[in-house]
């Protein structure tokens, strides 16, 4: 049972990452460039001293003194700002917002050593660091800032909203609760004994990593599919390993996650205080997404009449990364949500 769980966990960890620093002066996104927005590379630090790198999008023609609503965007886990988060940022900038798509700590172009490490604390902080940056941007009204998280960062976005009262509206897209799935597996199928065995193996690996001075890598997506993989792995592969979404700095596309990174995730829950969020939250999930229960359970915990759950008919988990062939991303709804709540 543990072997099957570990294989499943490794598949989940595909959702993390980024690697290799680069200075992309040319358009290297997985989506077509819009002629309606301006984009510039920016850097800012979080409170751990890690330098985060992002792309700042703004509508063309903004007056130098104009103060707009802004949205910080990150995810999916394993993706970089040149993929899904950049698409969301560019599209929402076309609709009148200043948007910031950023690489999380230790991944993509952002700093942090060792590479390819995740932390429920640091990755939640990354959103607040983005709010720090936007709050001090000359074209942003600091009282009109929202956040949007995709996949694993959907969970961290809700967690950030529970902590950071400067966040006025939050959207979680096709979300995972990474602490829950890392500790309990899909559909909470992992029991205490299997979890203990997992911890034994991971901590044994820590000893080996220290001895060798390196970090063992978890399995990534296969270079080729056999056809016997679970459907969600096929869906991930269709995005990350094809021209549809491949990017060289995305660990899901072209790398491996740090094996012991999951230790911090399995030992603490996020969303502990999500019931205390007083600001509006929109949870969006695909009807056919294997991860749908994460979004539905997160929504059940939210309180107040300014929370909303939107299920996109016919969409799977990955369809909400880029719309897929269904144009599944409900941008009209997302736009109206932020325009209504970032006044």
Protein backbone atom coordinates (compact mmCIF):
# COMPACT_ATOMS: atom_id res chain seq x y z
CA UNK A 1 0.00 0.00 0.00
CA UNK A 2 2.80 2.41 0.91
CA UNK A 3 4.54 1.83 -2.42
CA UNK A 4 1.39 2.77 -4.29
CA UNK A 5 0.91 5.80 -2.10
CA UNK A 6 4.50 6.95 -2.62
CA UNK A 7 4.08 6.67 -6.38
CA UNK A 8 0.93 8.73 -6.08
CA UNK A 9 2.69 11.29 -3.91
CA UNK A 10 5.52 11.60 -6.40
CA UNK A 11 2.96 12.25 -9.10
CA UNK A 12 1.47 14.93 -6.90
CA UNK A 13 4.88 16.50 -6.40
CA UNK A 14 4.99 17.03 -10.12
CA UNK A 15 2.84 19.99 -9.29
CA UNK A 16 5.81 21.79 -7.75
CA UNK A 17 8.68 23.74 -8.91
CA UNK A 18 10.97 25.58 -11.23
CA UNK A 19 14.71 25.60 -11.94
CA UNK A 20 17.57 27.51 -13.51
CA UNK A 21 17.91 31.26 -13.53
CA UNK A 22 17.46 33.08 -16.82
CA UNK A 23 17.10 36.61 -18.08
CA UNK A 24 14.25 36.47 -20.58
CA UNK A 25 14.40 39.67 -22.59
CA UNK A 26 12.42 38.16 -25.43
CA UNK A 27 8.89 36.80 -25.32
CA UNK A 28 9.24 33.28 -23.94
CA UNK A 29 5.72 32.66 -22.69
CA UNK A 30 3.54 29.69 -23.60
CA UNK A 31 0.75 32.01 -24.70
CA UNK A 32 0.55 34.64 -27.42
CA UNK A 33 1.59 38.18 -26.55
CA UNK A 34 -1.20 40.76 -26.34
CA UNK A 35 -0.85 44.15 -27.97
CA UNK A 36 -3.23 45.62 -25.39
CA UNK A 37 -0.90 45.49 -22.38
CA UNK A 38 2.57 46.48 -21.27
CA UNK A 39 4.73 43.93 -19.45
CA UNK A 40 7.95 44.35 -17.52
CA UNK A 41 10.16 42.06 -15.47
CA UNK A 42 10.26 43.02 -11.79
CA UNK A 43 11.95 41.84 -8.61
CA UNK A 44 10.93 42.11 -4.96
CA UNK A 45 11.84 40.41 -1.68
CA UNK A 46 9.71 38.47 0.75
CA UNK A 47 10.24 38.70 4.50
CA UNK A 48 12.64 35.73 4.39
CA UNK A 49 14.96 37.74 2.17
CA UNK A 50 14.25 35.67 -0.94
CA UNK A 51 14.13 37.65 -4.18
CA UNK A 52 10.98 36.90 -6.15
CA UNK A 53 10.86 37.57 -9.88
CA UNK A 54 7.64 38.44 -11.65
CA UNK A 55 6.11 39.90 -14.77
CA UNK A 56 4.08 43.05 -14.15
CA UNK A 57 1.25 43.56 -16.67
CA UNK A 58 -0.68 46.79 -17.07
CA UNK A 59 -3.22 48.07 -19.60
CA UNK A 60 -1.73 50.27 -22.29
CA UNK A 61 -2.55 53.93 -22.02
CA UNK A 62 -2.68 54.11 -18.23
CA UNK A 63 -2.24 57.66 -17.00
CA UNK A 64 0.94 58.15 -15.00
CA UNK A 65 -1.08 59.24 -11.97
CA UNK A 66 -3.90 56.70 -12.35
CA UNK A 67 -4.41 54.24 -9.51
CA UNK A 68 -5.86 50.89 -10.60
CA UNK A 69 -6.97 47.74 -8.84
CA UNK A 70 -4.27 45.05 -8.84
CA UNK A 71 -4.11 41.25 -8.66
CA UNK A 72 -1.12 39.08 -7.66
CA UNK A 73 -1.13 35.67 -9.36
CA UNK A 74 0.86 32.47 -8.93
CA UNK A 75 0.67 28.76 -9.68
CA UNK A 76 0.17 26.03 -10.59
CA UNK A 77 2.72 24.20 -8.47
CA UNK A 78 5.45 23.15 -10.83
CA UNK A 79 4.66 25.94 -13.26
CA UNK A 80 6.38 29.25 -13.86
CA UNK A 81 5.08 32.73 -14.60
CA UNK A 82 5.52 32.14 -18.32
CA UNK A 83 2.76 29.51 -18.21
CA UNK A 84 -0.73 29.59 -16.68
CA UNK A 85 -0.27 32.46 -14.20
CA UNK A 86 1.07 34.69 -16.97
CA UNK A 87 -1.93 33.92 -19.14
CA UNK A 88 -4.29 34.89 -16.32
CA UNK A 89 -2.25 38.03 -15.62
CA UNK A 90 -2.18 39.17 -19.24
CA UNK A 91 -5.87 38.52 -19.78
CA UNK A 92 -6.92 40.36 -16.62
CA UNK A 93 -4.61 43.26 -17.52
CA UNK A 94 -6.44 43.49 -20.84
CA UNK A 95 -9.58 43.93 -18.75
CA UNK A 96 -8.25 46.87 -16.78
CA UNK A 97 -6.20 45.56 -13.86
CA UNK A 98 -2.54 45.84 -12.97
CA UNK A 99 -1.46 42.23 -12.54
CA UNK A 100 1.64 40.50 -11.24
CA UNK A 101 2.48 36.92 -12.21
CA UNK A 102 5.40 35.72 -10.09
CA UNK A 103 7.59 32.66 -9.58
CA UNK A 104 7.38 31.26 -6.04
CA UNK A 105 10.43 31.06 -3.80
CA UNK A 106 13.09 28.52 -4.80
CA UNK A 107 11.61 28.06 -8.28
CA UNK A 108 11.70 29.56 -11.74
CA UNK A 109 13.68 32.81 -11.84
CA UNK A 110 13.12 33.52 -8.15
CA UNK A 111 16.00 32.98 -5.75
CA UNK A 112 16.45 30.57 -2.88
CA UNK A 113 18.88 27.73 -2.24
CA UNK A 114 18.47 24.79 -2.49
CA UNK A 115 16.34 24.80 -5.58
CA UNK A 116 12.97 23.12 -5.99
CA UNK A 117 11.81 23.37 -2.39
CA UNK A 118 8.29 24.15 -1.18
CA UNK A 119 7.05 25.41 2.17
CA UNK A 120 3.49 26.10 3.29
CA UNK A 121 4.81 29.06 5.29
CA UNK A 122 7.11 30.57 2.67
CA UNK A 123 4.73 30.01 -0.24
CA UNK A 124 1.92 31.69 1.67
CA UNK A 125 4.30 34.55 2.46
CA UNK A 126 5.09 34.87 -1.26
CA UNK A 127 1.57 36.20 -1.84
CA UNK A 128 1.96 38.78 0.93
CA UNK A 129 5.32 39.84 -0.52
CA UNK A 130 3.56 40.40 -3.85
CA UNK A 131 1.02 42.56 -2.00
CA UNK A 132 3.92 44.51 -0.46
CA UNK A 133 5.26 45.21 -3.93
CA UNK A 134 1.91 46.13 -5.48
CA UNK A 135 0.99 48.36 -2.54
CA UNK A 136 3.99 50.52 -3.36
CA UNK A 137 3.50 50.64 -7.12
CA UNK A 138 2.68 54.12 -8.45
CA UNK A 139 -0.20 52.84 -10.59
CA UNK A 140 -1.84 50.70 -7.90
CA UNK A 141 -4.41 51.69 -5.30
CA UNK A 142 -3.17 49.82 -2.19
CA UNK A 143 -6.74 49.50 -0.94
CA UNK A 144 -7.78 47.60 -4.08
CA UNK A 145 -5.50 44.56 -4.20
CA UNK A 146 -6.60 40.96 -4.72
CA UNK A 147 -4.83 37.66 -5.28
CA UNK A 148 -5.42 34.64 -7.51
CA UNK A 149 -3.88 31.22 -6.97
CA UNK A 150 -3.95 28.29 -9.37
CA UNK A 151 -3.77 24.60 -8.39
CA UNK A 152 -1.54 24.25 -5.28
CA UNK A 153 -1.32 28.01 -5.06
CA UNK A 154 -5.09 28.18 -4.90
CA UNK A 155 -4.80 26.66 -1.44
CA UNK A 156 -2.00 29.02 -0.48
CA UNK A 157 -4.01 31.97 -1.76
CA UNK A 158 -6.87 31.14 0.59
CA UNK A 159 -4.35 30.64 3.39
CA UNK A 160 -2.83 34.06 2.64
CA UNK A 161 -6.25 35.70 2.67
CA UNK A 162 -6.85 34.28 6.16
CA UNK A 163 -3.68 36.00 7.38
CA UNK A 164 -3.25 39.17 5.30
CA UNK A 165 -6.08 41.70 5.77
CA UNK A 166 -4.72 43.86 2.94
CA UNK A 167 -6.02 41.25 0.48
CA UNK A 168 -9.49 42.47 -0.51
CA UNK A 169 -10.59 39.62 -2.81
CA UNK A 170 -9.29 36.11 -3.49
CA UNK A 171 -9.82 33.60 -6.28
CA UNK A 172 -8.73 29.96 -6.03
CA UNK A 173 -8.62 28.21 -9.41
CA UNK A 174 -8.70 24.38 -9.70
CA UNK A 175 -7.13 24.29 -6.22
CA UNK A 176 -5.20 21.66 -4.35
CA UNK A 177 -4.70 21.65 -0.59
CA UNK A 178 -1.09 20.51 -0.79
CA UNK A 179 -0.72 19.81 2.92
CA UNK A 180 -3.74 17.54 2.88
CA UNK A 181 -2.86 15.61 -0.24
CA UNK A 182 0.79 15.22 0.77
CA UNK A 183 -0.14 13.84 4.19
CA UNK A 184 -3.23 11.83 3.32
CA UNK A 185 -3.01 11.05 -0.38
CA UNK A 186 -5.87 11.41 -2.82
CA UNK A 187 -9.30 11.22 -1.23
CA UNK A 188 -7.65 10.89 2.19
CA UNK A 189 -6.71 7.27 1.43
CA UNK A 190 -3.46 7.13 3.45
CA UNK A 191 -3.65 5.94 7.04
CA UNK A 192 -1.37 6.73 9.97
CA UNK A 193 0.83 3.65 9.50
CA UNK A 194 1.50 4.40 5.84
CA UNK A 195 2.20 8.01 6.71
CA UNK A 196 4.70 6.92 9.38
CA UNK A 197 6.48 4.70 6.87
CA UNK A 198 6.61 7.62 4.45
CA UNK A 199 8.18 9.82 7.12
CA UNK A 200 10.75 7.15 7.91
CA UNK A 201 11.80 6.99 4.28
CA UNK A 202 11.92 10.75 3.83
CA UNK A 203 13.97 11.30 6.96
CA UNK A 204 16.36 8.53 5.96
CA UNK A 205 16.77 10.40 2.69
CA UNK A 206 17.62 13.58 4.62
CA UNK A 207 20.54 11.75 6.25
CA UNK A 208 21.79 10.60 2.85
CA UNK A 209 21.35 14.06 1.36
CA UNK A 210 23.46 15.59 4.11
CA UNK A 211 26.16 12.93 3.76
CA UNK A 212 26.41 13.42 -0.01
CA UNK A 213 25.94 17.18 0.01
CA UNK A 214 23.22 16.92 -2.63
CA UNK A 215 19.43 16.64 -2.73
CA UNK A 216 17.77 13.54 -4.12
CA UNK A 217 15.22 14.22 -6.82
CA UNK A 218 11.68 12.89 -6.96
CA UNK A 219 10.33 11.37 -10.13
CA UNK A 220 8.91 13.76 -12.70
CA UNK A 221 6.50 13.36 -15.55
CA UNK A 222 7.61 10.63 -17.98
CA UNK A 223 9.13 11.67 -21.28
CA UNK A 224 6.65 9.37 -23.03
CA UNK A 225 3.30 7.96 -21.94
CA UNK A 226 2.65 4.23 -21.93
CA UNK A 227 -1.12 4.71 -21.96
CA UNK A 228 -1.50 3.01 -18.56
CA UNK A 229 -1.12 6.16 -16.49
CA UNK A 230 -4.03 7.61 -14.48
CA UNK A 231 -6.05 10.11 -16.49
CA UNK A 232 -4.90 13.06 -14.37
CA UNK A 233 -1.25 12.23 -15.17
CA UNK A 234 -2.16 12.13 -18.88
CA UNK A 235 -3.83 15.53 -18.47
CA UNK A 236 -0.74 17.00 -16.79
CA UNK A 237 1.50 15.52 -19.49
CA UNK A 238 -0.66 17.00 -22.24
CA UNK A 239 -0.08 20.45 -20.77
CA UNK A 240 3.47 20.38 -19.45
CA UNK A 241 5.22 18.10 -21.95
CA UNK A 242 3.76 19.41 -25.20
CA UNK A 243 3.89 22.72 -27.06
CA UNK A 244 0.64 23.60 -25.34
CA UNK A 245 2.39 24.45 -22.07
CA UNK A 246 6.04 23.33 -22.07
CA UNK A 247 8.55 25.73 -20.57
CA UNK A 248 12.18 24.94 -19.85
CA UNK A 249 12.13 26.52 -16.37
CA UNK A 250 9.04 24.62 -15.25
CA UNK A 251 9.96 21.60 -13.20
CA UNK A 252 6.83 19.81 -14.42
CA UNK A 253 8.03 20.31 -17.97
CA UNK A 254 11.75 19.82 -17.58
CA UNK A 255 13.00 18.85 -14.13
CA UNK A 256 12.60 17.13 -10.81
CA UNK A 257 11.34 18.14 -7.41
CA UNK A 258 13.42 17.86 -4.25
CA UNK A 259 12.23 14.58 -2.65
CA UNK A 260 12.32 15.74 0.98
CA UNK A 261 10.43 18.94 0.20
CA UNK A 262 7.20 17.22 1.18
CA UNK A 263 8.26 16.89 4.83
CA UNK A 264 7.04 20.37 5.74
CA UNK A 265 3.79 19.79 3.88
CA UNK A 266 2.84 16.53 5.60
CA UNK A 267 3.27 17.93 9.09
CA UNK A 268 0.98 20.95 9.08
CA UNK A 269 -2.37 21.96 7.60
CA UNK A 270 -3.04 25.14 5.71
CA UNK A 271 -6.58 26.56 5.70
CA UNK A 272 -6.72 26.19 9.50
CA UNK A 273 -8.16 29.69 9.86
CA UNK A 274 -9.87 30.08 6.50
CA UNK A 275 -13.24 30.37 8.23
CA UNK A 276 -12.06 33.75 9.53
CA UNK A 277 -11.72 35.31 6.05
CA UNK A 278 -14.06 38.29 5.92
CA UNK A 279 -13.26 39.39 2.37
CA UNK A 280 -14.84 37.88 -0.78
CA UNK A 281 -13.56 34.54 -2.07
CA UNK A 282 -14.34 32.88 -5.40
CA UNK A 283 -13.52 29.16 -5.74
CA UNK A 284 -13.50 27.84 -9.31
CA UNK A 285 -13.23 24.17 -10.18
CA UNK A 286 -13.83 21.92 -13.16
CA UNK A 287 -16.80 19.58 -13.11
CA UNK A 288 -14.61 16.62 -14.07
CA UNK A 289 -11.47 17.57 -12.15
CA UNK A 290 -9.91 14.83 -10.02
CA UNK A 291 -9.12 17.59 -7.52
CA UNK A 292 -12.63 18.99 -7.30
CA UNK A 293 -13.16 17.84 -3.72
CA UNK A 294 -10.36 20.12 -2.50
CA UNK A 295 -12.20 23.20 -3.77
CA UNK A 296 -15.59 22.05 -2.53
CA UNK A 297 -14.27 21.22 0.95
CA UNK A 298 -12.39 24.52 1.15
CA UNK A 299 -15.55 26.37 0.16
CA UNK A 300 -17.61 24.59 2.85
CA UNK A 301 -15.31 25.99 5.51
CA UNK A 302 -15.69 29.60 4.35
CA UNK A 303 -18.25 31.76 6.12
CA UNK A 304 -20.31 34.75 5.07
CA UNK A 305 -22.44 35.63 2.09
CA UNK A 306 -19.52 36.99 0.03
CA UNK A 307 -18.12 33.54 -0.84
CA UNK A 308 -18.93 31.72 -4.07
CA UNK A 309 -18.23 28.31 -5.62
CA UNK A 310 -18.28 28.05 -9.42
CA UNK A 311 -18.14 24.63 -11.09
CA UNK A 312 -17.17 24.82 -14.76
CA UNK A 313 -19.20 22.32 -16.75
CA UNK A 314 -17.20 19.67 -18.61
CA UNK A 315 -13.79 20.94 -17.47
CA UNK A 316 -11.03 18.83 -15.93
CA UNK A 317 -8.26 20.04 -13.64
CA UNK A 318 -5.83 21.11 -16.38
CA UNK A 319 -8.48 22.77 -18.57
CA UNK A 320 -8.43 25.68 -16.12
CA UNK A 321 -4.69 26.19 -16.66
CA UNK A 322 -5.12 27.58 -20.16
CA UNK A 323 -8.72 26.92 -21.15
CA UNK A 324 -7.89 23.75 -23.09
CA UNK A 325 -9.96 23.12 -26.19
CA UNK A 326 -13.11 24.09 -24.27
CA UNK A 327 -12.15 27.73 -23.53
CA UNK A 328 -12.95 26.66 -20.00
CA UNK A 329 -11.56 29.60 -18.02
CA UNK A 330 -14.49 31.82 -16.94
CA UNK A 331 -12.67 35.11 -17.41
CA UNK A 332 -15.90 37.12 -17.59
CA UNK A 333 -16.89 35.85 -14.15
CA UNK A 334 -13.41 36.42 -12.71
CA UNK A 335 -13.34 39.95 -14.11
CA UNK A 336 -16.73 40.83 -12.65
CA UNK A 337 -15.76 39.32 -9.29
CA UNK A 338 -12.74 41.58 -8.99
CA UNK A 339 -14.42 44.67 -10.38
CA UNK A 340 -17.22 44.27 -7.87
CA UNK A 341 -14.95 43.63 -4.92
CA UNK A 342 -11.93 45.82 -5.65
CA UNK A 343 -13.84 49.09 -5.86
